[in-house]
């Protein structure tokens, strides 16, 4: 079946372990099983970190879980029809991973320039 997802790259950082890591905003326009994970891996060539099914299960990031979460949900109340919206911050581990990989890449670059 057809599946559609809109995406926006919020940030990207070099990674010595993965080449690059990006924080994406994903908006599914349809609702298919594993849609976001499949689109990231197969359409964008950027599997979700920790995804053992669609190729993001790098041994470098093993044991850290799936780096996929909802930060906003919008729906209509089932009885009143009132639009509802719920928001949450992404887990701290998302920013921590990007910061750590950015620092490692910068350190490597600095060491390379010293030679």
N, C-alpha and C. Protein backbone atom coordinates (compact mmCIF):
# COMPACT_ATOMS: atom_id res chain seq x y z
N UNK A 1 0.84 -1.19 0.00
CA UNK A 1 0.00 0.00 0.00
C UNK A 1 0.88 1.24 0.00
N UNK A 2 0.32 2.32 -0.52
CA UNK A 2 1.02 3.58 -0.60
C UNK A 2 1.18 4.19 0.80
N UNK A 3 2.35 4.78 1.04
CA UNK A 3 2.62 5.45 2.32
C UNK A 3 3.37 6.73 2.03
N UNK A 4 3.03 7.81 2.76
CA UNK A 4 3.68 9.11 2.54
C UNK A 4 4.10 9.70 3.87
N UNK A 5 5.31 10.28 3.85
CA UNK A 5 5.86 10.94 5.04
C UNK A 5 6.54 12.23 4.61
N UNK A 6 6.25 13.31 5.31
CA UNK A 6 7.00 14.56 5.12
C UNK A 6 8.14 14.56 6.13
N UNK A 7 9.29 15.12 5.74
CA UNK A 7 10.40 15.19 6.69
C UNK A 7 11.16 16.50 6.54
N UNK A 8 11.81 16.89 7.62
CA UNK A 8 12.62 18.09 7.67
C UNK A 8 13.87 17.76 8.48
N UNK A 9 15.04 18.09 7.95
CA UNK A 9 16.29 17.89 8.69
C UNK A 9 16.44 19.08 9.65
N UNK A 10 16.41 18.79 10.96
CA UNK A 10 16.54 19.84 11.97
C UNK A 10 18.00 20.15 12.26
N UNK A 11 18.84 19.12 12.26
CA UNK A 11 20.28 19.31 12.45
C UNK A 11 21.00 18.07 11.96
N UNK A 12 22.27 18.26 11.65
CA UNK A 12 23.09 17.15 11.19
C UNK A 12 24.49 17.36 11.73
N UNK A 13 25.16 16.26 12.07
CA UNK A 13 26.50 16.35 12.62
C UNK A 13 27.35 15.21 12.09
N UNK A 14 28.65 15.45 11.89
CA UNK A 14 29.52 14.35 11.48
C UNK A 14 29.65 13.34 12.61
N UNK A 15 29.87 12.08 12.24
CA UNK A 15 30.03 11.01 13.21
C UNK A 15 31.14 10.09 12.74
N UNK A 16 32.14 9.86 13.58
CA UNK A 16 33.20 8.93 13.23
C UNK A 16 32.67 7.51 13.14
N UNK A 17 31.61 7.22 13.85
CA UNK A 17 31.05 5.88 13.88
C UNK A 17 30.06 5.62 12.75
N UNK A 18 29.31 6.64 12.35
CA UNK A 18 28.24 6.44 11.37
C UNK A 18 28.37 7.28 10.12
N UNK A 19 29.41 8.09 10.02
CA UNK A 19 29.56 9.00 8.89
C UNK A 19 28.87 10.32 9.17
N UNK A 20 27.59 10.26 9.49
CA UNK A 20 26.82 11.46 9.87
C UNK A 20 25.58 11.00 10.62
N UNK A 21 25.11 11.87 11.49
CA UNK A 21 23.86 11.64 12.21
C UNK A 21 23.00 12.88 12.03
N UNK A 22 21.71 12.68 11.83
CA UNK A 22 20.80 13.81 11.64
C UNK A 22 19.59 13.66 12.54
N UNK A 23 19.12 14.80 13.03
CA UNK A 23 17.88 14.86 13.79
C UNK A 23 16.80 15.30 12.80
N UNK A 24 15.78 14.47 12.64
CA UNK A 24 14.72 14.73 11.67
C UNK A 24 13.39 15.00 12.34
N UNK A 25 12.61 15.83 11.70
CA UNK A 25 11.20 15.97 12.07
C UNK A 25 10.43 15.20 11.00
N UNK A 26 9.66 14.21 11.43
CA UNK A 26 8.91 13.35 10.52
C UNK A 26 7.42 13.57 10.73
N UNK A 27 6.69 13.64 9.64
CA UNK A 27 5.24 13.81 9.73
C UNK A 27 4.58 12.78 8.82
N UNK A 28 4.06 11.71 9.40
CA UNK A 28 3.40 10.70 8.57
C UNK A 28 2.07 11.24 8.02
N UNK A 29 1.88 11.11 6.73
CA UNK A 29 0.63 11.54 6.10
C UNK A 29 -0.33 10.37 5.95
N UNK A 30 0.18 9.16 6.12
CA UNK A 30 -0.60 7.94 6.13
C UNK A 30 -0.18 7.17 7.37
N UNK A 31 -0.84 6.10 7.67
CA UNK A 31 -0.51 5.33 8.87
C UNK A 31 -0.25 3.87 8.56
N UNK A 32 0.96 3.56 8.18
CA UNK A 32 1.33 2.19 7.86
C UNK A 32 2.30 1.66 8.91
N UNK A 33 2.28 0.36 9.13
CA UNK A 33 3.18 -0.27 10.09
C UNK A 33 4.63 0.03 9.72
N UNK A 34 5.39 0.51 10.67
CA UNK A 34 6.83 0.81 10.51
C UNK A 34 7.10 1.86 9.45
N UNK A 35 6.10 2.64 9.08
CA UNK A 35 6.23 3.61 7.99
C UNK A 35 7.43 4.53 8.17
N UNK A 36 7.57 5.15 9.32
CA UNK A 36 8.67 6.11 9.51
C UNK A 36 10.02 5.41 9.45
N UNK A 37 10.12 4.26 10.08
CA UNK A 37 11.37 3.51 10.09
C UNK A 37 11.74 3.06 8.67
N UNK A 38 10.76 2.58 7.93
CA UNK A 38 11.01 2.13 6.55
C UNK A 38 11.41 3.30 5.66
N UNK A 39 10.72 4.42 5.76
CA UNK A 39 11.04 5.57 4.92
C UNK A 39 12.44 6.10 5.22
N UNK A 40 12.79 6.19 6.49
CA UNK A 40 14.15 6.66 6.84
C UNK A 40 15.20 5.74 6.24
N UNK A 41 15.04 4.44 6.43
CA UNK A 41 16.04 3.48 5.97
C UNK A 41 16.05 3.32 4.45
N UNK A 42 14.89 3.08 3.87
CA UNK A 42 14.84 2.69 2.47
C UNK A 42 14.74 3.86 1.50
N UNK A 43 14.07 4.93 1.88
CA UNK A 43 13.91 6.08 0.98
C UNK A 43 14.99 7.13 1.18
N UNK A 44 15.32 7.41 2.44
CA UNK A 44 16.32 8.43 2.74
C UNK A 44 17.73 7.87 2.85
N UNK A 45 17.85 6.55 3.03
CA UNK A 45 19.17 5.95 3.23
C UNK A 45 19.77 6.31 4.57
N UNK A 46 18.92 6.62 5.54
CA UNK A 46 19.35 7.06 6.87
C UNK A 46 18.52 6.34 7.92
N UNK A 47 18.84 5.07 8.22
CA UNK A 47 18.03 4.33 9.19
C UNK A 47 18.06 4.96 10.57
N UNK A 48 17.00 4.75 11.32
CA UNK A 48 16.90 5.25 12.69
C UNK A 48 17.94 4.52 13.55
N UNK A 49 18.70 5.28 14.32
CA UNK A 49 19.69 4.67 15.21
C UNK A 49 18.98 3.69 16.14
N UNK A 50 19.53 2.49 16.23
CA UNK A 50 18.98 1.47 17.10
C UNK A 50 17.92 0.58 16.47
N UNK A 51 17.62 0.79 15.18
CA UNK A 51 16.58 0.02 14.51
C UNK A 51 17.16 -1.30 14.00
N UNK A 52 16.88 -2.36 14.71
CA UNK A 52 17.42 -3.69 14.37
C UNK A 52 16.74 -4.28 13.14
N UNK A 53 15.56 -3.82 12.79
CA UNK A 53 14.84 -4.38 11.64
C UNK A 53 15.25 -3.72 10.33
N UNK A 54 15.41 -2.40 10.32
CA UNK A 54 15.67 -1.68 9.08
C UNK A 54 17.09 -1.12 8.97
N UNK A 55 18.02 -1.69 9.69
CA UNK A 55 19.43 -1.40 9.44
C UNK A 55 20.10 -0.32 10.26
N UNK A 56 19.49 0.17 11.31
CA UNK A 56 20.13 1.19 12.11
C UNK A 56 20.77 0.64 13.36
N UNK A 57 20.91 -0.70 13.43
CA UNK A 57 21.44 -1.34 14.63
C UNK A 57 22.95 -1.50 14.52
N UNK A 58 23.66 -0.39 14.42
CA UNK A 58 25.12 -0.42 14.36
C UNK A 58 25.67 -0.91 15.69
N UNK A 59 26.70 -1.74 15.67
CA UNK A 59 27.29 -2.19 16.94
C UNK A 59 27.84 -1.02 17.77
N UNK A 60 28.11 0.11 17.11
CA UNK A 60 28.62 1.28 17.82
C UNK A 60 27.58 1.90 18.75
N UNK A 61 26.30 1.70 18.44
CA UNK A 61 25.23 2.29 19.23
C UNK A 61 24.38 1.24 19.92
N UNK A 62 24.89 0.03 20.01
CA UNK A 62 24.15 -1.09 20.58
C UNK A 62 23.76 -0.84 22.04
N UNK A 63 22.57 -1.27 22.39
CA UNK A 63 22.11 -1.17 23.77
C UNK A 63 21.58 0.18 24.17
N UNK A 64 21.42 1.08 23.23
CA UNK A 64 20.94 2.43 23.56
C UNK A 64 19.48 2.63 23.20
N UNK A 65 18.85 1.60 22.63
CA UNK A 65 17.44 1.70 22.29
C UNK A 65 17.20 2.33 20.94
N UNK A 66 15.94 2.44 20.58
CA UNK A 66 15.53 3.00 19.30
C UNK A 66 15.42 4.52 19.45
N UNK A 67 16.11 5.27 18.60
CA UNK A 67 16.11 6.72 18.67
C UNK A 67 14.98 7.28 17.80
N UNK A 68 13.76 6.98 18.22
CA UNK A 68 12.56 7.43 17.53
C UNK A 68 11.51 7.73 18.58
N UNK A 69 10.92 8.91 18.52
CA UNK A 69 9.88 9.25 19.50
C UNK A 69 8.92 10.27 18.89
N UNK A 70 7.75 10.35 19.46
CA UNK A 70 6.79 11.38 19.07
C UNK A 70 6.98 12.58 19.99
N UNK A 71 7.10 13.76 19.40
CA UNK A 71 7.19 14.97 20.20
C UNK A 71 5.89 15.78 20.12
N UNK A 72 4.99 15.39 19.23
CA UNK A 72 3.69 16.06 19.14
C UNK A 72 2.67 15.08 18.56
N UNK A 73 1.50 15.11 19.14
CA UNK A 73 0.37 14.32 18.64
C UNK A 73 -0.84 15.24 18.57
N UNK A 74 -1.55 15.17 17.46
CA UNK A 74 -2.76 15.99 17.30
C UNK A 74 -3.90 15.06 16.88
N UNK A 75 -5.05 15.25 17.52
CA UNK A 75 -6.22 14.44 17.20
C UNK A 75 -7.47 15.17 17.66
N UNK A 76 -8.59 14.71 17.19
CA UNK A 76 -9.86 15.26 17.62
C UNK A 76 -10.40 14.42 18.76
N UNK A 77 -10.94 15.09 19.78
CA UNK A 77 -11.52 14.38 20.91
C UNK A 77 -12.64 13.47 20.38
N UNK A 78 -12.67 12.20 20.80
CA UNK A 78 -13.64 11.26 20.23
C UNK A 78 -15.10 11.60 20.52
N UNK A 79 -15.38 12.32 21.59
CA UNK A 79 -16.79 12.65 21.90
C UNK A 79 -17.18 14.05 21.45
N UNK A 80 -16.31 15.03 21.72
CA UNK A 80 -16.67 16.42 21.44
C UNK A 80 -16.20 16.91 20.08
N UNK A 81 -15.23 16.21 19.50
CA UNK A 81 -14.67 16.65 18.22
C UNK A 81 -13.67 17.79 18.37
N UNK A 82 -13.46 18.24 19.61
CA UNK A 82 -12.51 19.33 19.87
C UNK A 82 -11.09 18.91 19.47
N UNK A 83 -10.37 19.78 18.73
CA UNK A 83 -8.99 19.44 18.38
C UNK A 83 -8.10 19.46 19.63
N UNK A 84 -7.29 18.44 19.77
CA UNK A 84 -6.37 18.32 20.89
C UNK A 84 -4.95 18.22 20.36
N UNK A 85 -4.01 18.77 21.10
CA UNK A 85 -2.59 18.68 20.71
C UNK A 85 -1.77 18.45 21.98
N UNK A 86 -0.89 17.48 21.91
CA UNK A 86 0.00 17.15 23.03
C UNK A 86 1.43 17.24 22.53
N UNK A 87 2.30 17.87 23.32
CA UNK A 87 3.71 18.03 22.94
C UNK A 87 4.62 17.61 24.08
N UNK A 88 5.79 17.14 23.71
CA UNK A 88 6.82 16.75 24.69
C UNK A 88 8.19 16.99 24.06
N UNK A 89 9.17 17.19 24.89
CA UNK A 89 10.54 17.35 24.42
C UNK A 89 11.10 15.97 24.05
N UNK A 90 12.01 15.92 23.07
CA UNK A 90 12.65 14.63 22.78
C UNK A 90 13.50 14.19 23.97
N UNK A 91 13.73 12.90 24.11
CA UNK A 91 14.56 12.41 25.21
C UNK A 91 15.95 13.07 25.17
N UNK A 92 16.53 13.29 26.33
CA UNK A 92 17.85 13.93 26.43
C UNK A 92 18.92 13.12 25.70
N UNK A 93 18.71 11.80 25.58
CA UNK A 93 19.73 10.97 24.92
C UNK A 93 19.90 11.34 23.45
N UNK A 94 18.90 11.94 22.82
CA UNK A 94 19.02 12.34 21.42
C UNK A 94 20.10 13.42 21.28
N UNK A 95 19.96 14.50 22.04
CA UNK A 95 20.94 15.59 21.99
C UNK A 95 22.31 15.12 22.49
N UNK A 96 22.31 14.28 23.51
CA UNK A 96 23.58 13.78 24.07
C UNK A 96 24.37 13.00 23.01
N UNK A 97 23.68 12.18 22.24
CA UNK A 97 24.37 11.41 21.19
C UNK A 97 24.94 12.34 20.13
N UNK A 98 24.13 13.29 19.67
CA UNK A 98 24.62 14.23 18.65
C UNK A 98 25.80 15.05 19.18
N UNK A 99 25.71 15.53 20.41
CA UNK A 99 26.80 16.31 21.00
C UNK A 99 28.07 15.49 21.12
N UNK A 100 27.92 14.24 21.58
CA UNK A 100 29.08 13.36 21.75
C UNK A 100 29.75 13.08 20.40
N UNK A 101 28.97 12.78 19.39
CA UNK A 101 29.54 12.48 18.08
C UNK A 101 30.17 13.72 17.45
N UNK A 102 29.56 14.88 17.66
CA UNK A 102 30.12 16.14 17.15
C UNK A 102 31.47 16.41 17.80
N UNK A 103 31.56 16.19 19.12
CA UNK A 103 32.82 16.42 19.84
C UNK A 103 33.90 15.45 19.39
N UNK A 104 33.55 14.19 19.19
CA UNK A 104 34.53 13.20 18.72
C UNK A 104 35.06 13.58 17.34
N UNK A 105 34.18 13.99 16.45
CA UNK A 105 34.60 14.37 15.10
C UNK A 105 35.50 15.60 15.15
N UNK A 106 35.16 16.57 15.98
CA UNK A 106 35.97 17.79 16.11
C UNK A 106 37.35 17.45 16.67
N UNK A 107 37.40 16.56 17.64
CA UNK A 107 38.69 16.15 18.23
C UNK A 107 39.54 15.45 17.17
N UNK A 108 38.93 14.58 16.39
CA UNK A 108 39.65 13.88 15.32
C UNK A 108 40.17 14.87 14.30
N UNK A 109 39.33 15.85 13.91
CA UNK A 109 39.76 16.86 12.94
C UNK A 109 40.93 17.67 13.48
N UNK A 110 40.87 18.02 14.77
CA UNK A 110 41.97 18.80 15.38
C UNK A 110 43.26 17.99 15.38
N UNK A 111 43.17 16.70 15.68
CA UNK A 111 44.36 15.84 15.68
C UNK A 111 44.92 15.69 14.27
N UNK A 112 44.05 15.63 13.28
CA UNK A 112 44.49 15.50 11.89
C UNK A 112 45.22 16.75 11.43
N UNK A 113 44.78 17.91 11.88
CA UNK A 113 45.42 19.17 11.48
C UNK A 113 46.78 19.35 12.12
N UNK A 114 47.00 18.72 13.29
CA UNK A 114 48.28 18.84 13.99
C UNK A 114 49.39 18.09 13.29
N UNK A 115 49.06 17.20 12.39
CA UNK A 115 50.09 16.38 11.74
C UNK A 115 50.68 17.04 10.56
